[in-house]
Amino acid sequence: MTKSAIASPPCKFPAHSGPRVWLLTSGASPISINLGRQLLAHGDSVVLCVKPSEGTGESSVRAVDFSAFWDEEVLAKQAWRSRARMVEMDARNMSQCQAAVAQAIDAFQKVDVLLCCSSEAIIGTVEELGASFRTAALIRDQFETNYFGHVNMIKAALPSMRENHSGHVVLLSGISQRYTTAATKYTMADSPLQPGIWVLLGLGYTAPPNGPLKDSSLGYEVAPFNIKVTIIQPNVEVNVLTNPISAAPQQPQYSRDNNPAPLFREIIEGLLGRLNSPSLAAPSGSSEGHNGSGRFASDEIMATYPQLSEYTRRQLLAETTNALTAIGGHDNPPARHIVGHEGVASVKEKLKTVSEELEEFVEASCAVDIDGTNGESGSPQHGEGDSNV
């Protein structure tokens, strides 16, 4: 993205009668910090849910960034301090999700907007991620965070929203589902509350956080209670490059010397190289072992945070922050919103490809239709007594 493309106007907010209460599921993430800054400046109240390892006083990269925001900005301003709360929570634990919602209601009497923005990315091909119990466990752990964590938060927040007959559930996802390349990617389909639907897509492995929602399914369920549902889909860089990344050991068959396909490993390395040449900071307890062919070409399981400069991070998140402030709490929000010109162009290209494939095989698709005129009784001529056909 060019600087001119990243430069964005001040955040806009929908008309509302009074300050709203936002609950952010990943309060220490860059998007939550950036959004929280805008919301507090606007006059809204914010509840930031953070994992114990990411809270103030901890030494991880995220904890340091969050502590700087909390101590130097939130606590330093009386107006902000009275409208902000920090809650320790691991969304994988349902009781902690319920406790977080209860604390938000105790402090501000309601939750107007629930933003599910927790995300973790895993790099590796299907073979690499299935090579050992440890690599397979990466996938399970990721689904616990990206999918079930958001299911837990939605379940915890819905009762109070139903009672107030008002609320907006927003999930921050991505447009990676729209891409098609020669590489391999697993992703959880965005069908709501249908775990187990997986799709081969072509980039790497990631379970986007819109797993528990779809365009309309959950939205239809809660619409009678005046609860809105929206999926926000920014560029892939927003979720991947501002959240934890784990990488499975690379197999020689998938190295760039032996496999010309544009695998997710190389794509992410290229993105990191272009974004201000950031370094990678490994969180405590992780192991890194490089074989010399790239940042993520490791001989061991690798866990890192892409450490971007503050300037680069704010530029990267500007469009998404503006989309969230403009749509969050809106009286008539979209079910799905694509962020930015690049995202719109990618989705249009994908829809064009799907349309072309559909037209190419439309005869084969229609050939399986059962013609009601076949046979005297309007049923296929396979024998009247054959119930197994």
Protein backbone atom coordinates (compact mmCIF):
# COMPACT_ATOMS: atom_id res chain seq x y z
CA MET A 1 0.00 0.00 0.00
CA THR A 2 1.24 3.47 -0.79
CA LYS A 3 1.30 6.28 1.73
CA SER A 4 -1.37 8.12 -0.20
CA ALA A 5 -3.61 5.06 -0.07
CA ILE A 6 -3.06 4.63 3.67
CA ALA A 7 -3.73 8.25 4.57
CA SER A 8 -7.31 8.29 5.82
CA PRO A 9 -9.75 10.91 7.03
CA PRO A 10 -10.68 11.14 10.72
CA CYS A 11 -12.86 8.31 12.00
CA LYS A 12 -16.58 8.74 11.47
CA PHE A 13 -19.26 7.43 13.81
CA PRO A 14 -22.94 6.67 13.17
CA ALA A 15 -25.56 8.83 14.80
CA HIS A 16 -26.37 7.64 18.33
CA SER A 17 -28.28 9.04 21.28
CA GLY A 18 -25.53 8.59 23.85
CA PRO A 19 -22.15 6.99 24.55
CA ARG A 20 -21.93 3.32 23.57
CA VAL A 21 -20.20 0.54 25.46
CA TRP A 22 -17.77 -1.57 23.45
CA LEU A 23 -16.34 -4.92 24.57
CA LEU A 24 -13.19 -5.92 22.70
CA THR A 25 -12.23 -9.58 22.99
CA SER A 26 -8.53 -9.10 22.27
CA GLY A 27 -7.78 -5.86 24.08
CA ALA A 28 -4.00 -6.08 23.74
CA SER A 29 -4.06 -6.52 19.98
CA PRO A 30 -2.94 -3.58 17.82
CA ILE A 31 -6.39 -3.22 16.27
CA SER A 32 -8.02 -3.00 19.73
CA ILE A 33 -5.49 -0.46 20.96
CA ASN A 34 -5.92 1.65 17.84
CA LEU A 35 -9.72 1.35 17.97
CA GLY A 36 -9.86 1.91 21.72
CA ARG A 37 -7.93 5.16 21.30
CA GLN A 38 -10.53 6.42 18.80
CA LEU A 39 -13.52 5.26 20.83
CA LEU A 40 -12.35 6.88 24.05
CA ALA A 41 -11.56 10.13 22.24
CA HIS A 42 -15.09 10.04 20.80
CA GLY A 43 -16.67 9.63 24.23
CA ASP A 44 -17.61 5.94 24.20
CA SER A 45 -16.79 3.45 26.96
CA VAL A 46 -14.46 0.53 26.29
CA VAL A 47 -13.87 -2.80 28.03
CA LEU A 48 -10.56 -4.36 26.94
CA CYS A 49 -10.27 -8.11 27.52
CA VAL A 50 -6.65 -9.25 27.75
CA LYS A 51 -5.00 -12.58 28.39
CA PRO A 52 -3.02 -12.75 31.65
CA SER A 53 0.22 -12.99 29.65
CA GLU A 54 -0.61 -9.79 27.75
CA GLY A 55 -1.67 -7.55 30.63
CA THR A 56 0.21 -4.72 32.27
CA GLY A 57 3.41 -5.73 34.02
CA GLU A 58 4.16 -8.66 31.73
CA SER A 59 7.21 -8.82 29.47
CA SER A 60 5.79 -10.14 26.19
CA VAL A 61 5.80 -7.88 23.15
CA ARG A 62 2.04 -7.41 23.28
CA ALA A 63 2.11 -6.73 27.02
CA VAL A 64 4.70 -3.99 26.55
CA ASP A 65 2.64 -2.30 23.83
CA PHE A 66 -0.58 -2.60 25.82
CA SER A 67 1.04 -1.32 29.01
CA ALA A 68 2.29 1.75 27.16
CA PHE A 69 -1.22 2.45 25.86
CA TRP A 70 -2.92 1.78 29.20
CA ASP A 71 -0.47 3.60 31.47
CA GLU A 72 0.58 6.50 29.26
CA GLU A 73 -2.72 7.24 27.51
CA VAL A 74 -5.73 5.76 29.32
CA LEU A 75 -4.71 6.28 32.93
CA ALA A 76 -3.11 9.64 32.16
CA LYS A 77 -6.45 11.16 31.11
CA GLN A 78 -9.23 11.46 33.67
CA ALA A 79 -11.97 11.39 31.03
CA TRP A 80 -10.57 8.21 29.51
CA ARG A 81 -9.83 6.53 32.82
CA SER A 82 -13.46 6.73 33.92
CA ARG A 83 -14.69 5.15 30.67
CA ALA A 84 -12.18 2.31 30.29
CA ARG A 85 -11.85 -1.04 31.99
CA MET A 86 -9.27 -3.80 31.61
CA VAL A 87 -10.47 -7.36 32.24
CA GLU A 88 -8.23 -10.42 32.31
CA MET A 89 -9.85 -13.10 30.20
CA ASP A 90 -9.05 -16.13 28.11
CA ALA A 91 -11.91 -16.54 25.63
CA ARG A 92 -11.33 -20.29 25.51
CA ASN A 93 -12.79 -20.41 29.03
CA MET A 94 -16.56 -19.89 28.99
CA SER A 95 -16.76 -18.86 32.64
CA GLN A 96 -14.17 -16.15 32.07
CA CYS A 97 -16.17 -14.84 29.10
CA GLN A 98 -19.28 -14.65 31.27
CA ALA A 99 -17.29 -12.89 33.98
CA ALA A 100 -15.96 -10.34 31.48
CA VAL A 101 -19.46 -9.50 30.27
CA ALA A 102 -20.66 -9.26 33.88
CA GLN A 103 -17.87 -6.82 34.74
CA ALA A 104 -18.72 -4.69 31.71
CA ILE A 105 -22.38 -4.56 32.74
CA ASP A 106 -21.44 -3.80 36.35
CA ALA A 107 -19.29 -0.88 35.24
CA PHE A 108 -21.41 0.55 32.40
CA GLN A 109 -24.83 -1.19 32.74
CA LYS A 110 -24.79 -2.65 29.22
CA VAL A 111 -22.79 -3.90 26.24
CA ASP A 112 -23.75 -2.19 22.98
CA VAL A 113 -21.06 -3.55 20.66
CA LEU A 114 -19.19 -6.83 21.00
CA LEU A 115 -16.09 -6.89 18.78
CA CYS A 116 -14.65 -10.39 18.32
CA CYS A 117 -11.13 -9.73 17.08
CA SER A 118 -8.96 -12.51 18.50
CA SER A 119 -6.86 -14.13 15.81
CA GLU A 120 -3.89 -16.44 15.41
CA ALA A 121 -2.30 -17.59 12.16
CA ILE A 122 -0.52 -20.87 11.45
CA ILE A 123 1.91 -21.29 8.59
CA GLY A 124 2.39 -24.68 7.03
CA THR A 125 1.16 -26.98 4.30
CA VAL A 126 -1.28 -29.81 4.97
CA GLU A 127 1.56 -32.32 5.17
CA GLU A 128 3.71 -30.15 7.41
CA LEU A 129 0.87 -29.53 9.87
CA GLY A 130 0.08 -33.23 10.02
CA ALA A 131 3.66 -34.36 10.49
CA SER A 132 3.51 -34.76 14.27
CA PHE A 133 1.22 -34.53 17.28
CA ARG A 134 2.70 -31.13 18.14
CA THR A 135 1.99 -29.63 14.73
CA ALA A 136 -1.54 -31.05 14.74
CA ALA A 137 -2.02 -29.50 18.18
CA LEU A 138 -1.27 -26.10 16.67
CA ILE A 139 -4.45 -26.39 14.61
CA ARG A 140 -6.56 -27.44 17.58
CA ASP A 141 -5.22 -24.59 19.70
CA GLN A 142 -5.89 -22.12 16.91
CA PHE A 143 -9.49 -23.21 16.52
CA GLU A 144 -9.98 -22.87 20.28
CA THR A 145 -8.95 -19.21 19.97
CA ASN A 146 -10.28 -18.17 16.56
CA TYR A 147 -13.52 -20.13 16.56
CA PHE A 148 -14.65 -21.43 19.92
CA GLY A 149 -13.36 -18.37 21.76
CA HIS A 150 -15.70 -16.19 19.73
CA VAL A 151 -18.57 -18.63 20.15
CA ASN A 152 -18.06 -18.37 23.90
CA MET A 153 -18.05 -14.57 23.84
CA ILE A 154 -21.19 -14.38 21.70
CA LYS A 155 -23.00 -16.82 23.97
CA ALA A 156 -21.95 -14.79 27.01
CA ALA A 157 -23.04 -11.44 25.55
CA LEU A 158 -26.36 -12.38 23.94
CA PRO A 159 -28.48 -12.68 27.13
CA SER A 160 -27.83 -9.06 28.17
CA MET A 161 -28.32 -7.82 24.61
CA ARG A 162 -31.64 -9.67 24.41
CA GLU A 163 -32.72 -8.19 27.71
CA ASN A 164 -31.87 -4.68 26.52
CA HIS A 165 -33.42 -5.39 23.11
CA SER A 166 -30.33 -3.87 21.51
CA GLY A 167 -26.83 -4.87 20.51
CA HIS A 168 -24.36 -5.32 17.70
CA VAL A 169 -22.05 -8.32 17.28
CA VAL A 170 -19.08 -7.51 15.03
CA LEU A 171 -16.52 -10.08 13.92
CA LEU A 172 -13.21 -9.01 12.43
CA SER A 173 -12.36 -11.56 9.78
CA GLY A 174 -10.41 -11.25 6.52
CA ILE A 175 -10.66 -11.67 2.79
CA SER A 176 -8.30 -14.65 2.64
CA GLN A 177 -11.30 -16.89 1.92
CA ARG A 178 -11.69 -15.01 -1.36
CA TYR A 179 -8.20 -15.76 -2.62
CA THR A 180 -7.26 -18.61 -4.94
CA THR A 181 -3.63 -19.58 -5.52
CA ALA A 182 -1.67 -22.71 -6.24
CA ALA A 183 -0.64 -23.05 -2.62
CA THR A 184 -2.63 -24.85 0.04
CA LYS A 185 -4.63 -23.39 2.84
CA TYR A 186 -7.07 -24.74 5.36
CA THR A 187 -9.62 -22.33 6.70
CA MET A 188 -12.80 -22.76 8.65
CA ALA A 189 -15.72 -21.85 6.44
CA ASP A 190 -17.71 -18.89 7.65
CA SER A 191 -20.87 -20.92 8.19
CA PRO A 192 -22.26 -19.93 11.57
CA LEU A 193 -22.13 -22.37 14.43
CA GLN A 194 -21.18 -25.24 12.15
CA PRO A 195 -17.74 -26.35 13.32
CA GLY A 196 -16.18 -29.02 11.20
CA ILE A 197 -16.84 -27.40 7.82
CA TRP A 198 -13.38 -26.93 6.39
CA VAL A 199 -12.39 -25.66 3.00
CA LEU A 200 -9.18 -26.04 1.00
CA LEU A 201 -8.42 -22.57 -0.29
CA GLY A 202 -4.82 -22.03 -1.22
CA LEU A 203 -2.69 -19.80 1.03
CA GLY A 204 -1.53 -21.47 4.22
CA TYR A 205 -3.50 -22.32 7.32
CA THR A 206 -5.69 -19.96 9.25
CA ALA A 207 -9.01 -20.16 11.01
CA PRO A 208 -10.56 -16.73 10.55
CA PRO A 209 -12.53 -15.40 13.45
CA ASN A 210 -15.81 -15.24 11.61
CA GLY A 211 -16.31 -18.97 12.17
CA PRO A 212 -19.37 -18.60 14.40
CA LEU A 213 -21.15 -16.26 12.01
CA LYS A 214 -22.33 -16.05 8.44
CA ASP A 215 -24.03 -13.35 6.43
CA SER A 216 -27.44 -14.14 7.81
CA SER A 217 -27.74 -17.28 9.95
CA LEU A 218 -27.02 -15.89 13.41
CA GLY A 219 -28.37 -12.56 12.23
CA TYR A 220 -31.75 -14.15 11.54
CA GLU A 221 -31.77 -15.82 14.94
CA VAL A 222 -31.20 -12.62 16.90
CA ALA A 223 -32.93 -10.09 14.62
CA PRO A 224 -36.23 -10.31 16.60
CA PHE A 225 -34.30 -9.02 19.62
CA ASN A 226 -32.99 -6.01 17.65
CA ILE A 227 -29.46 -7.45 17.71
CA LYS A 228 -27.39 -6.80 14.60
CA VAL A 229 -24.59 -8.98 13.18
CA THR A 230 -21.72 -7.82 10.95
CA ILE A 231 -18.58 -9.45 9.56
CA ILE A 232 -15.79 -6.97 8.77
CA GLN A 233 -13.27 -8.27 6.22
CA PRO A 234 -10.05 -6.27 5.89
CA ASN A 235 -6.97 -7.24 3.91
CA VAL A 236 -5.14 -10.35 5.01
CA GLU A 237 -2.26 -8.27 6.39
CA VAL A 238 -4.40 -6.77 9.14
CA ASN A 239 -5.17 -10.00 10.99
CA VAL A 240 -2.04 -11.92 10.12
CA LEU A 241 0.63 -9.26 10.63
CA THR A 242 -0.82 -7.83 13.86
CA ASN A 243 -1.38 -11.11 15.71
CA PRO A 244 0.62 -14.16 16.80
CA ILE A 245 2.00 -16.37 14.01
CA SER A 246 3.09 -19.99 14.43
CA ALA A 247 4.93 -21.95 11.78
CA ALA A 248 5.35 -25.69 11.42
CA PRO A 249 8.79 -27.05 10.46
CA GLN A 250 9.26 -26.79 6.72
CA GLN A 251 9.60 -29.99 4.74
CA PRO A 252 12.21 -29.98 1.93
CA GLN A 253 9.56 -30.79 -0.67
CA TYR A 254 7.89 -27.43 0.04
CA SER A 255 10.99 -25.25 0.09
CA ARG A 256 11.19 -22.52 -2.51
CA ASP A 257 13.96 -24.42 -4.29
CA ASN A 258 11.74 -27.48 -4.87
CA ASN A 259 8.23 -26.04 -4.98
CA PRO A 260 7.43 -23.05 -7.22
CA ALA A 261 3.92 -22.58 -5.80
CA PRO A 262 3.36 -19.26 -3.98
CA LEU A 263 3.05 -20.80 -0.52
CA PHE A 264 1.83 -18.81 2.46
CA ARG A 265 5.27 -18.98 4.07
CA GLU A 266 6.86 -16.99 1.26
CA ILE A 267 3.87 -14.64 0.94
CA ILE A 268 4.10 -13.58 4.58
CA GLU A 269 7.87 -13.19 4.38
CA GLY A 270 7.37 -10.89 1.41
CA LEU A 271 4.78 -8.82 3.25
CA LEU A 272 7.02 -8.43 6.27
CA GLY A 273 9.90 -7.43 4.03
CA ARG A 274 7.86 -4.67 2.44
CA LEU A 275 6.34 -3.27 5.63
CA ASN A 276 9.18 -1.20 7.02
CA SER A 277 11.48 -4.27 7.17
CA PRO A 278 10.15 -5.30 10.60
CA SER A 279 11.88 -7.83 12.77
CA LEU A 280 10.19 -10.76 14.45
CA ALA A 281 10.05 -10.94 18.19
CA ALA A 282 9.57 -14.38 19.70
CA PRO A 283 7.29 -14.50 22.75
CA SER A 284 8.56 -16.18 25.87
CA GLY A 285 8.55 -19.94 25.71
CA SER A 286 8.78 -20.16 21.94
CA SER A 287 11.61 -21.69 19.95
CA GLU A 288 13.16 -20.51 16.73
CA GLY A 289 15.54 -22.40 14.51
CA HIS A 290 16.27 -21.10 11.06
CA ASN A 291 17.60 -23.21 8.20
CA GLY A 292 18.65 -20.14 6.24
CA SER A 293 15.94 -20.08 3.59
CA GLY A 294 13.65 -17.47 5.19
CA ARG A 295 12.18 -16.07 8.38
CA PHE A 296 9.65 -18.90 8.70
CA ALA A 297 11.77 -21.69 7.20
CA SER A 298 12.43 -23.17 10.61
CA ASP A 299 13.60 -26.61 11.68
CA GLU A 300 11.35 -26.41 14.75
CA ILE A 301 7.90 -25.10 15.55
CA MET A 302 8.20 -21.34 15.53
CA ALA A 303 5.98 -18.82 17.36
CA THR A 304 6.40 -15.10 16.77
CA TYR A 305 4.79 -11.69 16.76
CA PRO A 306 5.47 -9.53 13.71
CA GLN A 307 7.00 -6.47 15.36
CA LEU A 308 6.03 -3.50 13.24
CA SER A 309 6.93 0.07 13.99
CA GLU A 310 4.17 2.21 15.49
CA TYR A 311 4.02 4.27 12.29
CA THR A 312 3.65 1.19 10.10
CA ARG A 313 1.12 -0.39 12.43
CA ARG A 314 -1.12 2.68 12.51
CA GLN A 315 -0.97 2.95 8.73
CA LEU A 316 -1.82 -0.72 8.33
CA LEU A 317 -4.83 -0.45 10.65
CA ALA A 318 -6.20 2.93 9.54
CA GLU A 319 -8.77 1.64 7.04
CA THR A 320 -10.04 -1.11 9.32
CA THR A 321 -10.33 1.21 12.32
CA ASN A 322 -12.37 3.64 10.23
CA ALA A 323 -14.66 0.83 9.07
CA LEU A 324 -15.23 -0.37 12.64
CA THR A 325 -16.07 3.08 13.98
CA ALA A 326 -18.40 3.82 11.04
CA ILE A 327 -20.32 0.52 11.31
CA GLY A 328 -20.15 -0.47 14.98
CA GLY A 329 -23.45 0.33 16.66
CA HIS A 330 -25.09 1.45 13.42
CA ASP A 331 -28.90 1.20 13.35
CA ASN A 332 -28.83 -0.64 10.02
CA PRO A 333 -25.34 -2.12 9.54
CA PRO A 334 -24.33 -4.39 6.66
CA ALA A 335 -24.15 -8.13 7.25
CA ARG A 336 -20.71 -8.17 5.61
CA HIS A 337 -18.34 -5.33 4.85
CA ILE A 338 -15.19 -5.48 2.71
CA VAL A 339 -12.54 -2.95 3.76
CA GLY A 340 -10.48 -0.98 1.24
CA HIS A 341 -10.03 -0.82 -2.52
CA GLU A 342 -7.66 -3.80 -2.56
CA GLY A 343 -10.17 -5.96 -0.70
CA VAL A 344 -13.02 -4.98 -3.01
CA ALA A 345 -10.88 -5.71 -6.08
CA SER A 346 -9.90 -9.13 -4.69
CA VAL A 347 -13.49 -10.09 -3.98
CA LYS A 348 -14.62 -8.95 -7.44
CA GLU A 349 -11.88 -11.03 -9.03
CA LYS A 350 -12.89 -14.07 -7.02
CA LEU A 351 -16.56 -13.64 -7.91
CA LYS A 352 -15.57 -13.32 -11.57
CA THR A 353 -13.63 -16.59 -11.37
CA VAL A 354 -16.54 -18.37 -9.69
CA SER A 355 -18.94 -17.06 -12.33
CA GLU A 356 -16.69 -18.20 -15.17
CA GLU A 357 -16.33 -21.68 -13.67
CA LEU A 358 -20.08 -21.89 -13.19
CA GLU A 359 -20.77 -21.00 -16.81
CA GLU A 360 -18.15 -23.46 -18.06
CA PHE A 361 -19.82 -26.39 -16.31
CA VAL A 362 -23.42 -25.16 -16.23
CA GLU A 363 -24.60 -27.98 -18.51
CA ALA A 364 -23.09 -30.58 -16.20
CA SER A 365 -24.75 -28.89 -13.23
CA CYS A 366 -28.20 -28.79 -14.83
CA ALA A 367 -27.92 -32.30 -16.28
CA VAL A 368 -28.54 -33.82 -12.85
CA ASP A 369 -31.89 -32.05 -12.41
CA ILE A 370 -34.91 -34.37 -12.29
CA ASP A 371 -37.36 -33.39 -14.99
CA GLY A 372 -40.91 -33.59 -13.67
CA THR A 373 -42.19 -34.60 -17.12
CA ASN A 374 -40.24 -37.87 -17.18
CA GLY A 375 -42.51 -40.86 -16.77
CA GLU A 376 -46.28 -40.96 -16.56
CA SER A 377 -46.39 -40.25 -12.81
CA GLY A 378 -43.91 -37.37 -13.01
CA SER A 379 -41.07 -39.38 -11.48
CA PRO A 380 -37.89 -40.74 -13.09
CA GLN A 381 -38.30 -43.97 -15.03
CA HIS A 382 -36.25 -46.20 -12.76
CA GLY A 383 -39.00 -48.59 -11.82
CA GLU A 384 -41.96 -47.77 -9.66
CA GLY A 385 -41.04 -50.10 -6.86
CA ASP A 386 -37.37 -49.17 -6.63
CA SER A 387 -37.17 -47.07 -3.49
CA ASN A 388 -33.36 -47.16 -3.36
CA VAL A 389 -32.85 -45.04 -6.47
